[in-house]
Protein backbone atom coordinates (compact mmCIF):
# COMPACT_ATOMS: atom_id res chain seq x y z
CA UNK A 1 13.48 -10.34 16.62
CA UNK A 2 10.78 -11.29 19.07
CA UNK A 3 7.44 -12.68 18.00
CA UNK A 4 4.36 -13.92 19.86
CA UNK A 5 2.83 -16.13 17.14
CA UNK A 6 3.68 -18.24 14.12
CA UNK A 7 6.59 -20.55 13.38
CA UNK A 8 8.12 -18.96 10.28
CA UNK A 9 8.83 -15.52 8.86
CA UNK A 10 9.79 -14.12 5.46
CA UNK A 11 12.56 -11.73 4.51
CA UNK A 12 12.11 -9.80 1.24
CA UNK A 13 14.32 -7.32 -0.61
CA UNK A 14 14.29 -5.14 -3.70
CA UNK A 15 17.18 -4.27 -6.00
CA UNK A 16 17.90 -1.66 -8.63
CA UNK A 17 17.18 -4.32 -11.27
CA UNK A 18 14.04 -5.62 -9.47
CA UNK A 19 12.51 -2.60 -7.69
CA UNK A 20 9.32 -4.28 -6.39
CA UNK A 21 8.95 -6.82 -3.60
CA UNK A 22 8.49 -10.20 -5.26
CA UNK A 23 8.48 -13.89 -4.38
CA UNK A 24 11.80 -14.52 -6.15
CA UNK A 25 13.43 -12.00 -3.78
CA UNK A 26 12.40 -13.84 -0.62
CA UNK A 27 13.84 -16.17 1.99
CA UNK A 28 11.65 -18.04 4.50
CA UNK A 29 13.07 -18.87 7.92
CA UNK A 30 11.90 -20.62 11.08
CA UNK A 31 11.20 -18.49 14.16
CA UNK A 32 10.54 -19.07 17.84
CA UNK A 33 7.28 -17.42 18.89
CA UNK A 34 7.80 -17.14 22.64
CA UNK A 35 7.88 -13.35 22.96
CA UNK A 36 11.65 -13.37 23.65
CA UNK A 37 14.34 -11.89 21.41
CA UNK A 38 16.22 -14.37 19.22
CA UNK A 39 18.98 -13.82 16.67
CA UNK A 40 18.34 -15.15 13.15
CA UNK A 41 21.08 -15.47 10.54
CA UNK A 42 20.13 -15.59 6.89
CA UNK A 43 22.77 -16.60 4.35
CA UNK A 44 21.75 -14.37 1.45
CA UNK A 45 25.07 -13.97 -0.33
CA UNK A 46 24.60 -16.98 -2.60
CA UNK A 47 20.93 -16.35 -3.37
CA UNK A 48 20.80 -15.58 -7.12
CA UNK A 49 18.45 -12.62 -6.61
CA UNK A 50 20.76 -11.10 -3.96
CA UNK A 51 24.29 -11.86 -5.15
CA UNK A 52 26.05 -8.93 -6.87
CA UNK A 53 22.93 -6.75 -6.73
CA UNK A 54 22.39 -3.26 -5.32
CA UNK A 55 19.86 -3.81 -2.51
CA UNK A 56 17.42 -0.89 -2.26
CA UNK A 57 14.84 -1.97 0.36
CA UNK A 58 14.18 -4.66 2.96
CA UNK A 59 10.92 -6.09 4.33
CA UNK A 60 10.25 -8.61 7.09
CA UNK A 61 6.92 -10.44 7.33
CA UNK A 62 7.17 -11.71 10.91
CA UNK A 63 4.56 -14.46 10.87
CA UNK A 64 2.42 -16.59 8.64
CA UNK A 65 -0.81 -14.61 8.53
CA UNK A 66 -3.06 -14.69 5.53
CA UNK A 67 -4.43 -11.41 4.26
CA UNK A 68 -7.98 -12.17 5.40
CA UNK A 69 -7.02 -12.97 9.00
CA UNK A 70 -8.19 -10.68 11.79
CA UNK A 71 -5.72 -12.28 14.20
CA UNK A 72 -2.88 -10.12 15.48
CA UNK A 73 0.28 -10.67 17.50
CA UNK A 74 3.09 -8.48 18.75
CA UNK A 75 6.57 -8.59 17.24
CA UNK A 76 9.69 -6.43 17.49
CA UNK A 77 12.94 -6.14 15.56
CA UNK A 78 15.88 -4.88 17.58
CA UNK A 79 18.35 -4.56 14.71
CA UNK A 80 19.30 -5.81 11.25
CA UNK A 81 23.00 -6.21 10.56
CA UNK A 82 24.61 -7.14 7.26
CA UNK A 83 28.14 -8.12 6.51
CA UNK A 84 29.88 -8.62 3.21
CA UNK A 85 30.62 -12.24 2.40
CA UNK A 86 34.26 -13.02 1.71
């Protein structure tokens, strides 16, 4: 992911049991906002809202903007890859 502003992002998901995006289905992570692509690894397998669930949707909030802000910044996601934990 590349990002031009902010220092953290949020990764959300929904499941069959919890079909709406919600705070309990969220992981925050630090980002580098230099406009370059960086790889971020999120260890979700042990998160209680992720483990042994059927994931139905993903959402990335790429910066820490409040909903009243008129500020904008460019971001891009090249790919999202998942692998099954052993």
